[in-house]
């Protein structure tokens, strides 16, 4: 199962978005209230894209592998905060939980598209 999260349409918007939600913003001590607002924003954004793309809530029955494909100027590992908020947003929609029982691996890759691609593959068996 795949879905897309579009980047902001302008170069400046994309740059600001990366600065706002990259791991460095959190590492530098972002206030808890702003982190909470960020998580709410990402949950809304992911749910809205899932609805737009016709992904109905359906919990998988087996553990998953999640692959994120990015195309921005952040270092690959700098996407950890965004990936965490996306992963949290699909809890209860696609995955049962984000514990090690349900998420067995996460991959971060590059691609050349102007959106974040999230691919969730159900693994057979526990």
N, C-alpha and C. Protein backbone atom coordinates (compact mmCIF):
# COMPACT_ATOMS: atom_id res chain seq x y z
N UNK A 1 0.84 -1.16 0.00
CA UNK A 1 0.00 0.00 0.00
C UNK A 1 0.89 1.23 0.00
N UNK A 2 0.62 2.15 -0.90
CA UNK A 2 1.39 3.38 -1.00
C UNK A 2 0.46 4.57 -0.95
N UNK A 3 0.98 5.66 -0.40
CA UNK A 3 0.29 6.93 -0.51
C UNK A 3 1.32 8.03 -0.60
N UNK A 4 0.88 9.21 -1.03
CA UNK A 4 1.77 10.34 -1.26
C UNK A 4 1.39 11.50 -0.35
N UNK A 5 2.40 12.26 0.02
CA UNK A 5 2.19 13.51 0.75
C UNK A 5 2.91 14.58 -0.07
N UNK A 6 2.16 15.49 -0.69
CA UNK A 6 2.82 16.48 -1.55
C UNK A 6 3.65 17.46 -0.74
N UNK A 7 4.77 17.86 -1.33
CA UNK A 7 5.58 18.93 -0.76
C UNK A 7 4.89 20.27 -1.04
N UNK A 8 5.22 21.31 -0.29
CA UNK A 8 4.71 22.64 -0.64
C UNK A 8 5.09 22.97 -2.09
N UNK A 9 4.25 23.73 -2.78
CA UNK A 9 4.45 23.94 -4.22
C UNK A 9 5.62 24.84 -4.61
N UNK A 10 6.12 25.67 -3.70
CA UNK A 10 7.21 26.56 -4.06
C UNK A 10 8.52 26.10 -3.43
N UNK A 11 9.62 26.51 -4.03
CA UNK A 11 10.94 26.15 -3.50
C UNK A 11 11.11 26.73 -2.09
N UNK A 12 10.68 27.97 -1.90
CA UNK A 12 10.78 28.60 -0.58
C UNK A 12 9.91 27.88 0.45
N UNK A 13 8.72 27.49 0.03
CA UNK A 13 7.82 26.76 0.92
C UNK A 13 8.39 25.41 1.31
N UNK A 14 8.97 24.72 0.34
CA UNK A 14 9.58 23.42 0.60
C UNK A 14 10.77 23.57 1.55
N UNK A 15 11.56 24.60 1.35
CA UNK A 15 12.71 24.86 2.20
C UNK A 15 12.28 25.17 3.63
N UNK A 16 11.25 26.00 3.78
CA UNK A 16 10.75 26.35 5.11
C UNK A 16 10.16 25.12 5.81
N UNK A 17 9.46 24.30 5.07
CA UNK A 17 8.86 23.08 5.60
C UNK A 17 9.95 22.15 6.14
N UNK A 18 11.01 21.97 5.36
CA UNK A 18 12.13 21.13 5.79
C UNK A 18 12.78 21.69 7.05
N UNK A 19 12.93 23.01 7.09
CA UNK A 19 13.53 23.64 8.27
C UNK A 19 12.63 23.48 9.50
N UNK A 20 11.35 23.57 9.30
CA UNK A 20 10.37 23.49 10.39
C UNK A 20 10.23 22.08 10.98
N UNK A 21 10.28 21.06 10.11
CA UNK A 21 9.97 19.71 10.57
C UNK A 21 11.15 18.74 10.53
N UNK A 22 12.31 19.19 10.11
CA UNK A 22 13.49 18.33 10.12
C UNK A 22 13.93 18.04 11.55
N UNK A 23 14.69 16.99 11.71
CA UNK A 23 15.14 16.57 13.04
C UNK A 23 15.92 17.67 13.75
N UNK A 24 16.65 18.49 13.00
CA UNK A 24 17.43 19.56 13.63
C UNK A 24 16.55 20.52 14.42
N UNK A 25 15.33 20.77 13.95
CA UNK A 25 14.41 21.66 14.68
C UNK A 25 14.06 21.08 16.05
N UNK A 26 13.94 19.78 16.11
CA UNK A 26 13.60 19.12 17.38
C UNK A 26 14.83 18.98 18.26
N UNK A 27 15.95 18.71 17.64
CA UNK A 27 17.21 18.55 18.36
C UNK A 27 17.58 19.85 19.06
N UNK A 28 17.21 20.96 18.48
CA UNK A 28 17.58 22.26 19.05
C UNK A 28 16.67 22.69 20.19
N UNK A 29 15.72 21.85 20.58
CA UNK A 29 14.91 22.15 21.75
C UNK A 29 13.59 22.82 21.47
N UNK A 30 12.91 22.41 20.44
CA UNK A 30 11.60 22.96 20.12
C UNK A 30 10.65 22.75 21.30
N UNK A 31 9.92 23.77 21.66
CA UNK A 31 9.00 23.74 22.80
C UNK A 31 7.95 22.64 22.64
N UNK A 32 7.56 22.01 23.76
CA UNK A 32 6.62 20.89 23.73
C UNK A 32 5.29 21.26 23.06
N UNK A 33 4.83 22.49 23.27
CA UNK A 33 3.55 22.90 22.68
C UNK A 33 3.65 22.97 21.15
N UNK A 34 4.80 23.41 20.66
CA UNK A 34 5.01 23.46 19.21
C UNK A 34 5.15 22.04 18.65
N UNK A 35 5.83 21.15 19.39
CA UNK A 35 5.94 19.75 18.95
C UNK A 35 4.55 19.11 18.88
N UNK A 36 3.71 19.41 19.86
CA UNK A 36 2.34 18.88 19.87
C UNK A 36 1.56 19.40 18.65
N UNK A 37 1.69 20.70 18.38
CA UNK A 37 1.01 21.29 17.22
C UNK A 37 1.53 20.67 15.91
N UNK A 38 2.84 20.42 15.85
CA UNK A 38 3.42 19.79 14.66
C UNK A 38 2.81 18.40 14.45
N UNK A 39 2.72 17.62 15.52
CA UNK A 39 2.16 16.27 15.42
C UNK A 39 0.71 16.33 14.96
N UNK A 40 -0.07 17.27 15.49
CA UNK A 40 -1.46 17.42 15.07
C UNK A 40 -1.54 17.79 13.58
N UNK A 41 -0.66 18.68 13.13
CA UNK A 41 -0.62 19.07 11.73
C UNK A 41 -0.33 17.85 10.84
N UNK A 42 0.69 17.07 11.19
CA UNK A 42 1.06 15.91 10.38
C UNK A 42 -0.02 14.85 10.40
N UNK A 43 -0.66 14.63 11.52
CA UNK A 43 -1.76 13.66 11.58
C UNK A 43 -2.88 14.10 10.66
N UNK A 44 -3.25 15.38 10.72
CA UNK A 44 -4.29 15.91 9.83
C UNK A 44 -3.87 15.76 8.37
N UNK A 45 -2.65 16.17 8.06
CA UNK A 45 -2.14 16.11 6.68
C UNK A 45 -2.18 14.68 6.14
N UNK A 46 -1.69 13.73 6.91
CA UNK A 46 -1.67 12.33 6.47
C UNK A 46 -3.09 11.80 6.29
N UNK A 47 -3.96 12.06 7.26
CA UNK A 47 -5.34 11.58 7.15
C UNK A 47 -6.05 12.20 5.95
N UNK A 48 -5.81 13.47 5.71
CA UNK A 48 -6.42 14.13 4.56
C UNK A 48 -5.94 13.50 3.25
N UNK A 49 -4.64 13.24 3.15
CA UNK A 49 -4.11 12.60 1.93
C UNK A 49 -4.63 11.18 1.78
N UNK A 50 -4.73 10.43 2.87
CA UNK A 50 -5.28 9.08 2.79
C UNK A 50 -6.71 9.12 2.26
N UNK A 51 -7.51 10.06 2.77
CA UNK A 51 -8.90 10.20 2.29
C UNK A 51 -8.92 10.56 0.80
N UNK A 52 -8.13 11.57 0.41
CA UNK A 52 -8.09 12.02 -0.99
C UNK A 52 -7.69 10.89 -1.93
N UNK A 53 -6.79 10.04 -1.47
CA UNK A 53 -6.27 8.97 -2.31
C UNK A 53 -7.06 7.67 -2.17
N UNK A 54 -8.18 7.74 -1.46
CA UNK A 54 -9.08 6.61 -1.38
C UNK A 54 -8.59 5.46 -0.50
N UNK A 55 -7.68 5.76 0.43
CA UNK A 55 -7.19 4.72 1.33
C UNK A 55 -8.10 4.69 2.54
N UNK A 56 -8.91 3.66 2.59
CA UNK A 56 -9.86 3.53 3.69
C UNK A 56 -9.19 2.87 4.89
N UNK A 57 -9.65 3.20 6.09
CA UNK A 57 -9.08 2.53 7.27
C UNK A 57 -9.23 1.01 7.16
N UNK A 58 -8.11 0.31 7.27
CA UNK A 58 -8.10 -1.15 7.23
C UNK A 58 -6.83 -1.59 7.93
N UNK A 59 -6.98 -2.10 9.12
CA UNK A 59 -5.81 -2.51 9.89
C UNK A 59 -5.22 -3.80 9.35
N UNK A 60 -3.91 -3.78 9.16
CA UNK A 60 -3.22 -4.99 8.71
C UNK A 60 -3.21 -6.01 9.85
N UNK A 61 -3.05 -7.25 9.49
CA UNK A 61 -3.08 -8.34 10.48
C UNK A 61 -1.69 -8.85 10.83
N UNK A 62 -0.68 -8.36 10.12
CA UNK A 62 0.69 -8.80 10.32
C UNK A 62 1.62 -7.60 10.48
N UNK A 63 2.83 -7.83 10.93
CA UNK A 63 3.81 -6.74 11.02
C UNK A 63 4.08 -6.12 9.65
N UNK A 64 4.63 -4.93 9.66
CA UNK A 64 4.87 -4.20 8.42
C UNK A 64 6.31 -3.72 8.30
N UNK A 65 6.64 -3.39 7.08
CA UNK A 65 7.85 -2.67 6.73
C UNK A 65 7.37 -1.33 6.17
N UNK A 66 7.96 -0.24 6.61
CA UNK A 66 7.56 1.09 6.12
C UNK A 66 8.76 1.70 5.39
N UNK A 67 8.51 2.14 4.15
CA UNK A 67 9.54 2.81 3.37
C UNK A 67 9.09 4.23 3.08
N UNK A 68 9.95 5.18 3.38
CA UNK A 68 9.72 6.59 3.08
C UNK A 68 10.65 6.97 1.95
N UNK A 69 10.10 7.65 0.94
CA UNK A 69 10.91 8.17 -0.16
C UNK A 69 10.79 9.70 -0.14
N UNK A 70 11.92 10.35 -0.07
CA UNK A 70 12.00 11.80 0.11
C UNK A 70 12.66 12.46 -1.09
N UNK A 71 12.41 13.76 -1.25
CA UNK A 71 13.07 14.55 -2.30
C UNK A 71 13.15 16.00 -1.83
N UNK A 72 14.07 16.26 -0.94
CA UNK A 72 14.29 17.62 -0.48
C UNK A 72 15.75 17.78 -0.13
N UNK A 73 16.10 18.87 0.51
CA UNK A 73 17.52 19.16 0.76
C UNK A 73 18.00 18.67 2.13
N UNK A 74 17.14 18.07 2.91
CA UNK A 74 17.56 17.55 4.20
C UNK A 74 18.46 16.33 4.02
N UNK A 75 19.33 16.10 5.00
CA UNK A 75 20.05 14.83 5.04
C UNK A 75 19.01 13.73 5.25
N UNK A 76 19.29 12.55 4.76
CA UNK A 76 18.32 11.47 4.84
C UNK A 76 17.89 11.19 6.28
N UNK A 77 18.83 11.15 7.21
CA UNK A 77 18.50 10.87 8.61
C UNK A 77 17.75 12.02 9.28
N UNK A 78 17.77 13.20 8.67
CA UNK A 78 17.09 14.36 9.23
C UNK A 78 15.57 14.28 9.09
N UNK A 79 15.08 13.25 8.41
CA UNK A 79 13.64 13.06 8.23
C UNK A 79 13.00 12.29 9.38
N UNK A 80 13.76 11.93 10.38
CA UNK A 80 13.26 11.06 11.45
C UNK A 80 12.01 11.61 12.14
N UNK A 81 11.97 12.91 12.42
CA UNK A 81 10.81 13.48 13.10
C UNK A 81 9.56 13.40 12.22
N UNK A 82 9.71 13.71 10.93
CA UNK A 82 8.58 13.63 10.01
C UNK A 82 8.10 12.18 9.88
N UNK A 83 9.06 11.26 9.75
CA UNK A 83 8.69 9.84 9.63
C UNK A 83 7.94 9.38 10.87
N UNK A 84 8.37 9.80 12.04
CA UNK A 84 7.70 9.42 13.28
C UNK A 84 6.27 9.95 13.31
N UNK A 85 6.07 11.19 12.90
CA UNK A 85 4.72 11.75 12.91
C UNK A 85 3.83 11.08 11.87
N UNK A 86 4.39 10.71 10.72
CA UNK A 86 3.62 9.98 9.70
C UNK A 86 3.27 8.59 10.23
N UNK A 87 4.25 7.92 10.82
CA UNK A 87 4.01 6.59 11.39
C UNK A 87 2.91 6.65 12.45
N UNK A 88 2.96 7.65 13.32
CA UNK A 88 1.92 7.80 14.34
C UNK A 88 0.55 8.04 13.71
N UNK A 89 0.52 8.77 12.60
CA UNK A 89 -0.74 9.09 11.94
C UNK A 89 -1.42 7.87 11.33
N UNK A 90 -0.63 6.87 10.93
CA UNK A 90 -1.25 5.68 10.32
C UNK A 90 -1.63 4.62 11.36
N UNK A 91 -1.26 4.86 12.63
CA UNK A 91 -1.70 3.95 13.70
C UNK A 91 -3.22 4.03 13.79
N UNK A 92 -3.85 2.88 13.83
CA UNK A 92 -5.30 2.84 13.91
C UNK A 92 -5.99 3.04 12.57
N UNK A 93 -5.24 3.37 11.54
CA UNK A 93 -5.81 3.52 10.18
C UNK A 93 -5.33 2.36 9.31
N UNK A 94 -4.01 2.10 9.39
CA UNK A 94 -3.41 1.03 8.59
C UNK A 94 -2.70 0.03 9.50
N UNK A 95 -1.92 0.53 10.43
CA UNK A 95 -1.19 -0.37 11.32
C UNK A 95 -1.84 -0.40 12.69
N UNK A 96 -1.70 -1.52 13.36
CA UNK A 96 -2.29 -1.68 14.70
C UNK A 96 -1.63 -0.73 15.69
N UNK A 97 -0.30 -0.68 15.64
CA UNK A 97 0.47 0.08 16.60
C UNK A 97 1.86 0.30 15.99
N UNK A 98 2.65 1.18 16.60
CA UNK A 98 4.00 1.39 16.08
C UNK A 98 5.06 0.68 16.93
N UNK A 99 4.64 -0.27 17.73
CA UNK A 99 5.58 -1.03 18.54
C UNK A 99 6.35 -2.01 17.66
N UNK A 100 7.37 -2.62 18.23
CA UNK A 100 8.18 -3.58 17.47
C UNK A 100 7.40 -4.82 17.07
N UNK A 101 6.29 -5.06 17.73
CA UNK A 101 5.42 -6.18 17.33
C UNK A 101 4.81 -5.93 15.95
N UNK A 102 4.55 -4.67 15.62
CA UNK A 102 3.83 -4.33 14.38
C UNK A 102 4.71 -3.68 13.32
N UNK A 103 5.75 -2.96 13.70
CA UNK A 103 6.64 -2.33 12.72
C UNK A 103 8.01 -2.99 12.85
N UNK A 104 8.35 -3.80 11.86
CA UNK A 104 9.61 -4.56 11.92
C UNK A 104 10.79 -3.82 11.31
N UNK A 105 10.52 -2.90 10.39
CA UNK A 105 11.62 -2.16 9.79
C UNK A 105 11.11 -0.89 9.13
N UNK A 106 12.02 0.08 9.08
CA UNK A 106 11.74 1.36 8.43
C UNK A 106 12.93 1.69 7.53
N UNK A 107 12.62 2.13 6.30
CA UNK A 107 13.65 2.49 5.34
C UNK A 107 13.44 3.94 4.91
N UNK A 108 14.54 4.64 4.70
CA UNK A 108 14.51 6.00 4.16
C UNK A 108 15.31 5.99 2.87
N UNK A 109 14.66 6.39 1.78
CA UNK A 109 15.29 6.40 0.47
C UNK A 109 15.03 7.74 -0.21
N UNK A 110 15.79 8.01 -1.27
CA UNK A 110 15.55 9.19 -2.10
C UNK A 110 14.75 8.78 -3.33
N UNK A 111 14.02 9.73 -3.89
CA UNK A 111 13.45 9.58 -5.22
C UNK A 111 13.38 10.96 -5.84
N UNK A 112 12.94 11.06 -7.06
CA UNK A 112 12.98 12.33 -7.79
C UNK A 112 11.62 13.01 -7.93
N UNK A 113 10.63 12.51 -7.24
CA UNK A 113 9.28 13.07 -7.35
C UNK A 113 9.10 14.23 -6.37
N UNK A 114 8.07 15.06 -6.60
CA UNK A 114 7.84 16.21 -5.74
C UNK A 114 6.80 15.89 -4.66
N UNK A 115 6.97 14.75 -4.04
CA UNK A 115 6.11 14.35 -2.94
C UNK A 115 6.87 13.33 -2.09
N UNK A 116 6.39 13.17 -0.88
CA UNK A 116 6.89 12.12 -0.01
C UNK A 116 6.06 10.89 -0.33
N UNK A 117 6.71 9.79 -0.58
CA UNK A 117 5.98 8.55 -0.80
C UNK A 117 6.15 7.67 0.44
N UNK A 118 5.03 7.15 0.91
CA UNK A 118 5.05 6.23 2.05
C UNK A 118 4.52 4.90 1.55
N UNK A 119 5.33 3.87 1.71
CA UNK A 119 4.93 2.53 1.30
C UNK A 119 4.91 1.63 2.54
N UNK A 120 3.78 1.00 2.76
CA UNK A 120 3.63 0.09 3.89
C UNK A 120 3.38 -1.30 3.33
N UNK A 121 4.31 -2.20 3.61
CA UNK A 121 4.20 -3.58 3.14
C UNK A 121 3.96 -4.49 4.32
N UNK A 122 2.90 -5.24 4.21
CA UNK A 122 2.58 -6.21 5.24
C UNK A 122 3.49 -7.43 5.05
N UNK A 123 4.10 -7.82 6.12
CA UNK A 123 4.94 -9.02 6.10
C UNK A 123 4.10 -10.22 6.49
N UNK A 124 4.36 -11.32 5.89
CA UNK A 124 3.56 -12.52 6.19
C UNK A 124 4.08 -13.17 7.46
N UNK A 125 3.16 -13.52 8.33
CA UNK A 125 3.53 -14.18 9.58
C UNK A 125 4.08 -13.21 10.60
N UNK A 126 4.10 -13.63 11.80
CA UNK A 126 4.62 -12.77 12.88
C UNK A 126 6.02 -13.10 13.12
